[in-house]
Structure formats: structure tokens, C-alpha cells
């Protein structure tokens, strides 16, 4: 047999407490003659996590699906293919991260949100830097929220921002999070995972669909007793000129003139885009003010 110790750095790097992690097999693949790859030890040291495996000394491929947990919370599900090379008498490992449950601690609270990401899935299935920077800004308590504040998020993706607002229950009213149909299953999973189903409402919204817009507006009227929104939030949604046009056109129809504040976290992929955000906001009748800039991400306030 071969015993090998290998690093699983990338999928586990978000662990808050590596020493508390446990690892178990969800599926255990066999080779053609029924030999089994076994996990015999799992250890962690600071940011490095190791898995020790026992494999038969035979040529062939093995498949494992491994679940990683910390504090009884899912952290990752890893799909791995193990190739045993008979000529070199070694075990080669190629692994693919299928899902990752990233923890986000709410500043000033002992609560941690877990956001599931689907790797290899569609755009919006990961938590990107823009969402993290907006999340940290909201956690800092700078924004003037009240118990009556009404929130709507466009392009919610995995749902970090809306779920945070619902989790702290800063508003007594439901938070509305929107995205395209292909994203809604992941969004609902994360809402359920974090126990905010009563305070966070996911809705389908393709930005150029008149039918979707009318349905969202109707839900706003019902959930918020006919009142308009106070805060509209979005992260990294202006990825090209067409998206920007659709975004500002939609915001113009959703926002309440003079009372809705728009918080937009946008990655600047070039200097031209920095000018474009300000210019397009002005063209659509919004004032644009930079709140902060970090790691090529600018947080804008539009009103």
C-alpha cells in the first residue's frame, strides 16, 4: 500500500479555526478490482490543511467525495480523483472544489454567516471582492439605517449582502434580494442555511424584463405597505456598457426620487470605467460620490 500526505489548501483557506475541522467521506470510489482509498488522518496547522490517505499499491484511478466541516457547519465538498502510478509507485492527486461554505463573521457580534458557493457554476455563484467590501462597509455601521428602512438588492448572487441585513434584523421589514432564474436556487439555499427565510425574500428579476419588473414592484407594495425603498444595493454589476445601460434604466424605475440611496460596489477594470460610472450615473440623473476605494474596488453612493 501507499500512504501519502497531501495539502488541501485552497478549499479550506477560509476556515476560522483549522484545528476544529473534521473530514469525512461522502462517496468512496473503487478501482476495477475493488481496492479502496481510505482517509486515515487529517491535520491542520495555521493556514495549511493536510489529509493523509492510504491507497493500494496498484495502478488505477479512484474517486472520492470529501466533506469538510468546522463547528458542525459545512465548509467544503471536494471531488477528488486519485491516480496510482504503478511504475513510479506513487499516488497522484487531482482535486476539484465542488462547493465551499465561506464563513463571514458579523463585526461586533458572535454570529457567523455561512455562504455556499458553487464552483464551476454560472457567473454569480461565488462571493466576489465587491460583495465583501460592501459587507464590511455595512458592518462598520456607517450607513444611516433605521428599523423602518426598506432594502432591495440587485444581482444578489450568493446573497451575502441581503442575508446580512436580514440576519441582523436592522429593519423590521423584509429584505428583497433579486437575481436571474439560474441563480435563485443557490440564493434560496443560503437564505435557508442562515435561518433568515422570514426576513429575506428572493425574487426573479432579469433587468430588461417588463414582466419581472412589474412583479417585483407588486411584491414591494405588498411587503412594504405601499412604501418605496430606502436603500438599493448592488455589487460588481457593471461588467460592460450594455449591463450598465440596463442597470441604470432599471434603477431609475425602481428607486424613489429624492429618498432612495444606492450603494454600488464596483471593481474598476480600467481607468475608463472609473469615469464611466460617474458619467452614466449623471446621464441617468443620479449624483455619484465615492465612499471608499480598496483593492481596485470603489464603493459609490448614488442618489
Protein backbone atom coordinates (compact mmCIF):
# COMPACT_ATOMS: atom_id res chain seq x y z
CA UNK A 1 0.00 0.00 0.00
CA UNK A 2 0.92 3.66 -0.34
CA UNK A 3 0.41 6.22 2.41
CA UNK A 4 0.55 9.81 1.22
CA UNK A 5 0.07 13.17 2.89
CA UNK A 6 -1.16 15.98 0.67
CA UNK A 7 -2.19 19.60 1.10
CA UNK A 8 -5.74 20.80 0.58
CA UNK A 9 -5.00 24.50 0.82
CA UNK A 10 -7.38 26.28 -1.48
CA UNK A 11 -10.73 24.80 -0.45
CA UNK A 12 -10.01 25.11 3.25
CA UNK A 13 -8.36 28.51 3.42
CA UNK A 14 -11.49 30.20 4.77
CA UNK A 15 -11.55 28.20 7.99
CA UNK A 16 -11.86 30.29 11.12
CA UNK A 17 -10.41 27.56 13.30
CA UNK A 18 -8.50 24.90 11.33
CA UNK A 19 -7.96 22.73 14.39
CA UNK A 20 -11.71 22.33 14.78
CA UNK A 21 -12.25 20.88 11.34
CA UNK A 22 -13.37 17.34 10.73
CA UNK A 23 -13.37 15.48 7.45
CA UNK A 24 -15.45 12.55 6.26
CA UNK A 25 -16.14 10.59 3.09
CA UNK A 26 -19.42 11.12 1.27
CA UNK A 27 -18.52 8.78 -1.56
CA UNK A 28 -15.66 6.30 -1.82
CA UNK A 29 -14.68 5.16 -5.29
CA UNK A 30 -13.28 1.73 -6.07
CA UNK A 31 -10.94 0.61 -8.80
CA UNK A 32 -11.75 -2.29 -11.12
CA UNK A 33 -10.76 -4.91 -8.54
CA UNK A 34 -12.45 -3.33 -5.55
CA UNK A 35 -9.49 -1.66 -3.84
CA UNK A 36 -10.42 1.27 -1.59
CA UNK A 37 -8.71 4.57 -0.85
CA UNK A 38 -9.09 5.44 2.83
CA UNK A 39 -8.66 8.62 4.83
CA UNK A 40 -6.55 7.71 7.84
CA UNK A 41 -5.63 11.09 9.27
CA UNK A 42 -6.50 14.79 8.93
CA UNK A 43 -4.36 17.52 10.49
CA UNK A 44 -4.22 21.30 10.32
CA UNK A 45 -1.53 23.85 11.02
CA UNK A 46 -2.35 27.54 10.73
CA UNK A 47 -3.40 28.08 7.09
CA UNK A 48 -2.26 24.66 5.85
CA UNK A 49 -4.55 21.64 6.00
CA UNK A 50 -3.33 18.09 5.35
CA UNK A 51 -5.14 14.91 4.53
CA UNK A 52 -3.35 11.57 4.86
CA UNK A 53 -4.60 8.77 2.62
CA UNK A 54 -3.97 5.05 2.36
CA UNK A 55 -4.16 3.59 -1.13
CA UNK A 56 -3.45 0.12 -2.53
CA UNK A 57 -0.19 -0.23 -4.41
CA UNK A 58 -1.84 -0.90 -7.75
CA UNK A 59 -2.24 1.10 -10.91
CA UNK A 60 -5.63 2.68 -11.39
CA UNK A 61 -7.91 5.60 -10.61
CA UNK A 62 -10.01 6.22 -7.53
CA UNK A 63 -12.75 8.74 -6.87
CA UNK A 64 -13.61 10.35 -3.56
CA UNK A 65 -16.06 12.99 -2.48
CA UNK A 66 -14.93 14.53 0.79
CA UNK A 67 -16.94 16.73 3.14
CA UNK A 68 -15.13 19.20 5.38
CA UNK A 69 -16.88 20.62 8.44
CA UNK A 70 -15.96 23.14 11.12
CA UNK A 71 -18.06 23.59 14.25
CA UNK A 72 -20.65 21.28 12.69
CA UNK A 73 -21.02 23.64 9.72
CA UNK A 74 -20.26 22.58 6.17
CA UNK A 75 -17.08 24.19 4.90
CA UNK A 76 -16.42 22.45 1.62
CA UNK A 77 -17.23 19.50 -0.55
CA UNK A 78 -14.31 18.33 -2.62
CA UNK A 79 -14.37 15.96 -5.56
CA UNK A 80 -11.02 14.19 -5.97
CA UNK A 81 -9.52 11.85 -8.50
CA UNK A 82 -6.56 9.78 -7.31
CA UNK A 83 -4.29 8.11 -9.84
CA UNK A 84 -1.93 5.40 -8.60
CA UNK A 85 1.08 5.07 -10.89
CA UNK A 86 2.46 1.54 -10.65
CA UNK A 87 5.70 2.34 -12.47
CA UNK A 88 6.54 5.26 -10.16
CA UNK A 89 4.94 3.66 -7.09
CA UNK A 90 3.27 6.90 -6.13
CA UNK A 91 -0.13 8.48 -5.72
CA UNK A 92 -1.02 11.49 -7.84
CA UNK A 93 -3.95 13.61 -6.72
CA UNK A 94 -6.11 15.99 -8.71
CA UNK A 95 -8.97 17.57 -6.82
CA UNK A 96 -11.83 19.85 -7.77
CA UNK A 97 -13.66 22.05 -5.30
CA UNK A 98 -17.39 21.46 -5.86
CA UNK A 99 -18.81 23.62 -3.13
CA UNK A 100 -17.39 25.87 -0.45
CA UNK A 101 -19.23 27.27 2.55
CA UNK A 102 -17.43 30.52 3.36
CA UNK A 103 -17.82 31.95 6.85
CA UNK A 104 -18.38 35.70 7.35
CA UNK A 105 -18.33 36.98 10.91
CA UNK A 106 -20.58 39.94 11.65
CA UNK A 107 -18.47 42.64 13.30
CA UNK A 108 -19.43 43.28 16.90
CA UNK A 109 -21.45 40.07 17.03
CA UNK A 110 -20.76 36.43 17.79
CA UNK A 111 -22.81 35.43 14.75
CA UNK A 112 -21.21 33.93 11.64
CA UNK A 113 -22.92 33.69 8.28
CA UNK A 114 -22.11 30.72 6.05
CA UNK A 115 -22.44 31.37 2.33
CA UNK A 116 -22.38 28.43 -0.05
CA UNK A 117 -20.52 28.90 -3.32
CA UNK A 118 -20.83 26.56 -6.30
CA UNK A 119 -17.58 26.14 -8.17
CA UNK A 120 -17.68 25.55 -11.89
CA UNK A 121 -21.19 27.00 -11.97
CA UNK A 122 -22.54 30.17 -13.56
CA UNK A 123 -21.44 33.76 -13.01
CA UNK A 124 -22.73 34.94 -9.65
CA UNK A 125 -22.16 31.62 -7.85
CA UNK A 126 -19.16 32.96 -5.92
CA UNK A 127 -18.70 35.72 -3.34
CA UNK A 128 -16.59 38.33 -5.11
CA UNK A 129 -14.41 41.08 -3.62
CA UNK A 130 -17.02 43.77 -4.29
CA UNK A 131 -19.60 42.00 -2.12
CA UNK A 132 -17.06 41.51 0.66
CA UNK A 133 -16.08 45.18 0.67
CA UNK A 134 -19.73 46.26 0.70
CA UNK A 135 -20.40 43.75 3.51
CA UNK A 136 -17.54 45.15 5.58
CA UNK A 137 -18.75 48.71 4.97
CA UNK A 138 -22.24 47.83 6.15
CA UNK A 139 -20.82 46.03 9.21
CA UNK A 140 -18.92 49.18 10.16
CA UNK A 141 -22.23 50.87 10.96
CA UNK A 142 -21.54 53.94 8.82
CA UNK A 143 -24.86 53.83 6.95
CA UNK A 144 -27.91 55.50 8.49
CA UNK A 145 -30.27 52.53 8.74
CA UNK A 146 -33.43 52.63 10.83
CA UNK A 147 -35.91 49.94 11.93
CA UNK A 148 -38.19 51.17 9.13
CA UNK A 149 -35.55 51.03 6.36
CA UNK A 150 -36.51 49.11 3.24
CA UNK A 151 -33.77 47.27 1.31
CA UNK A 152 -33.61 45.77 -2.17
CA UNK A 153 -30.54 44.14 -3.74
CA UNK A 154 -29.96 43.78 -7.48
CA UNK A 155 -27.81 40.92 -8.76
CA UNK A 156 -27.68 39.35 -5.30
CA UNK A 157 -25.60 36.34 -6.41
CA UNK A 158 -24.92 34.14 -3.38
CA UNK A 159 -26.89 36.56 -1.20
CA UNK A 160 -24.26 37.76 1.29
CA UNK A 161 -25.49 41.38 1.49
CA UNK A 162 -29.22 40.71 1.74
CA UNK A 163 -28.72 37.82 4.15
CA UNK A 164 -26.54 40.03 6.38
CA UNK A 165 -29.22 42.74 6.50
CA UNK A 166 -31.89 40.15 7.28
CA UNK A 167 -29.71 38.39 9.88
CA UNK A 168 -29.09 41.49 11.96
CA UNK A 169 -32.77 42.39 11.54
CA UNK A 170 -31.81 46.03 11.22
CA UNK A 171 -35.13 46.56 9.51
CA UNK A 172 -38.41 45.18 10.76
CA UNK A 173 -39.44 44.82 7.13
CA UNK A 174 -38.41 42.01 4.75
CA UNK A 175 -35.26 42.45 2.68
CA UNK A 176 -35.82 41.77 -1.05
CA UNK A 177 -33.00 40.11 -2.99
CA UNK A 178 -33.19 39.67 -6.76
CA UNK A 179 -31.33 37.83 -9.48
CA UNK A 180 -31.92 35.81 -12.64
CA UNK A 181 -33.68 32.45 -12.51
CA UNK A 182 -30.48 30.37 -12.74
CA UNK A 183 -29.21 31.95 -9.51
CA UNK A 184 -32.30 31.58 -7.36
CA UNK A 185 -31.71 28.01 -6.13
CA UNK A 186 -28.32 28.96 -4.65
CA UNK A 187 -29.80 32.15 -3.22
CA UNK A 188 -32.62 30.23 -1.55
CA UNK A 189 -30.17 27.64 -0.19
CA UNK A 190 -28.12 30.35 1.51
CA UNK A 191 -31.19 32.09 2.92
CA UNK A 192 -32.33 28.79 4.43
CA UNK A 193 -28.81 27.88 5.62
CA UNK A 194 -28.61 31.10 7.65
CA UNK A 195 -32.13 30.94 9.07
CA UNK A 196 -33.45 34.19 7.59
CA UNK A 197 -36.32 32.85 5.46
CA UNK A 198 -38.82 35.03 7.34
CA UNK A 199 -36.86 38.22 6.70
CA UNK A 200 -35.30 37.73 3.23
CA UNK A 201 -37.39 37.34 0.07
CA UNK A 202 -35.72 36.12 -3.17
CA UNK A 203 -37.33 37.22 -6.43
CA UNK A 204 -36.52 36.64 -10.08
CA UNK A 205 -35.52 39.80 -11.93
CA UNK A 206 -33.99 39.94 -15.39
CA UNK A 207 -33.24 43.62 -15.79
CA UNK A 208 -34.82 44.05 -19.23
CA UNK A 209 -37.98 42.06 -18.48
CA UNK A 210 -41.04 44.27 -18.05
CA UNK A 211 -42.96 41.36 -16.57
CA UNK A 212 -40.30 40.69 -13.92
CA UNK A 213 -40.14 44.38 -13.05
CA UNK A 214 -43.90 44.61 -12.55
CA UNK A 215 -43.92 41.51 -10.34
CA UNK A 216 -41.09 42.89 -8.20
CA UNK A 217 -42.85 46.25 -7.87
CA UNK A 218 -46.03 44.48 -6.80
CA UNK A 219 -44.16 42.49 -4.15
CA UNK A 220 -42.56 45.72 -2.92
CA UNK A 221 -46.01 47.26 -2.48
CA UNK A 222 -47.30 44.23 -0.59
CA UNK A 223 -44.26 43.65 1.63
CA UNK A 224 -43.64 47.32 2.37
CA UNK A 225 -47.26 48.52 2.58
CA UNK A 226 -47.00 50.70 -0.49
CA UNK A 227 -43.83 52.47 0.60
CA UNK A 228 -40.82 52.87 -1.70
CA UNK A 229 -37.34 51.55 -0.96
CA UNK A 230 -34.79 53.42 1.14
CA UNK A 231 -31.66 51.53 0.06
CA UNK A 232 -30.84 49.79 -3.20
CA UNK A 233 -27.64 47.73 -3.15
CA UNK A 234 -25.55 46.13 -5.90
CA UNK A 235 -22.06 44.64 -6.27
CA UNK A 236 -19.94 44.38 -9.43
CA UNK A 237 -22.86 44.52 -11.85
CA UNK A 238 -21.42 46.98 -14.41
CA UNK A 239 -19.26 44.50 -16.29
CA UNK A 240 -19.91 46.06 -19.74
CA UNK A 241 -21.71 49.01 -21.35
CA UNK A 242 -24.90 47.03 -22.02
CA UNK A 243 -25.12 45.90 -18.41
CA UNK A 244 -24.58 49.48 -17.24
CA UNK A 245 -27.36 50.78 -19.50
CA UNK A 246 -29.79 48.09 -18.31
CA UNK A 247 -28.80 48.69 -14.68
CA UNK A 248 -29.32 52.45 -14.62
CA UNK A 249 -32.54 52.16 -16.62
CA UNK A 250 -33.89 49.68 -14.06
CA UNK A 251 -32.71 51.69 -11.06
CA UNK A 252 -34.43 54.77 -12.46
CA UNK A 253 -37.75 52.89 -12.40
CA UNK A 254 -37.28 51.16 -9.05
CA UNK A 255 -35.84 53.99 -6.98
CA UNK A 256 -37.93 56.64 -5.27
CA UNK A 257 -36.69 60.05 -6.35
CA UNK A 258 -35.20 62.03 -3.50
CA UNK A 259 -35.36 59.24 -0.92
CA UNK A 260 -33.62 56.09 -2.26
CA UNK A 261 -29.89 55.74 -1.62
CA UNK A 262 -27.98 53.45 -3.95
CA UNK A 263 -24.83 51.74 -2.67
CA UNK A 264 -22.82 50.29 -5.55
CA UNK A 265 -19.55 48.41 -5.09
CA UNK A 266 -17.82 48.18 -8.45
CA UNK A 267 -14.46 46.73 -9.49
CA UNK A 268 -12.53 49.11 -11.73
CA UNK A 269 -11.03 47.07 -14.51
CA UNK A 270 -9.51 50.17 -16.12
CA UNK A 271 -9.38 53.97 -15.66
CA UNK A 272 -12.07 54.43 -18.28
CA UNK A 273 -14.59 52.51 -16.18
CA UNK A 274 -13.98 54.89 -13.25
CA UNK A 275 -15.09 57.80 -15.45
CA UNK A 276 -17.89 55.74 -16.96
CA UNK A 277 -19.62 55.08 -13.62
CA UNK A 278 -19.74 58.77 -12.82
CA UNK A 279 -20.76 59.79 -16.33
CA UNK A 280 -23.51 57.22 -16.67
CA UNK A 281 -24.87 57.99 -13.22
CA UNK A 282 -25.03 61.68 -14.19
CA UNK A 283 -26.68 60.88 -17.52
CA UNK A 284 -29.44 58.99 -15.73
CA UNK A 285 -29.97 61.78 -13.21
CA UNK A 286 -28.00 60.41 -10.25
CA UNK A 287 -25.32 62.13 -8.25
CA UNK A 288 -22.24 59.94 -7.67
CA UNK A 289 -20.00 60.11 -4.62
CA UNK A 290 -17.09 57.81 -3.80
CA UNK A 291 -17.31 56.49 -0.23
CA UNK A 292 -14.13 54.43 -0.28
CA UNK A 293 -11.70 52.67 -2.60
CA UNK A 294 -9.78 49.47 -1.88
CA UNK A 295 -8.12 46.78 -3.96
CA UNK A 296 -9.38 48.28 -7.24
CA UNK A 297 -12.95 48.30 -5.87
CA UNK A 298 -14.81 51.59 -5.44
CA UNK A 299 -17.86 51.91 -3.23
CA UNK A 300 -20.19 54.54 -4.67
CA UNK A 301 -23.20 56.25 -3.22
CA UNK A 302 -25.69 57.36 -5.86
CA UNK A 303 -28.72 59.48 -5.09
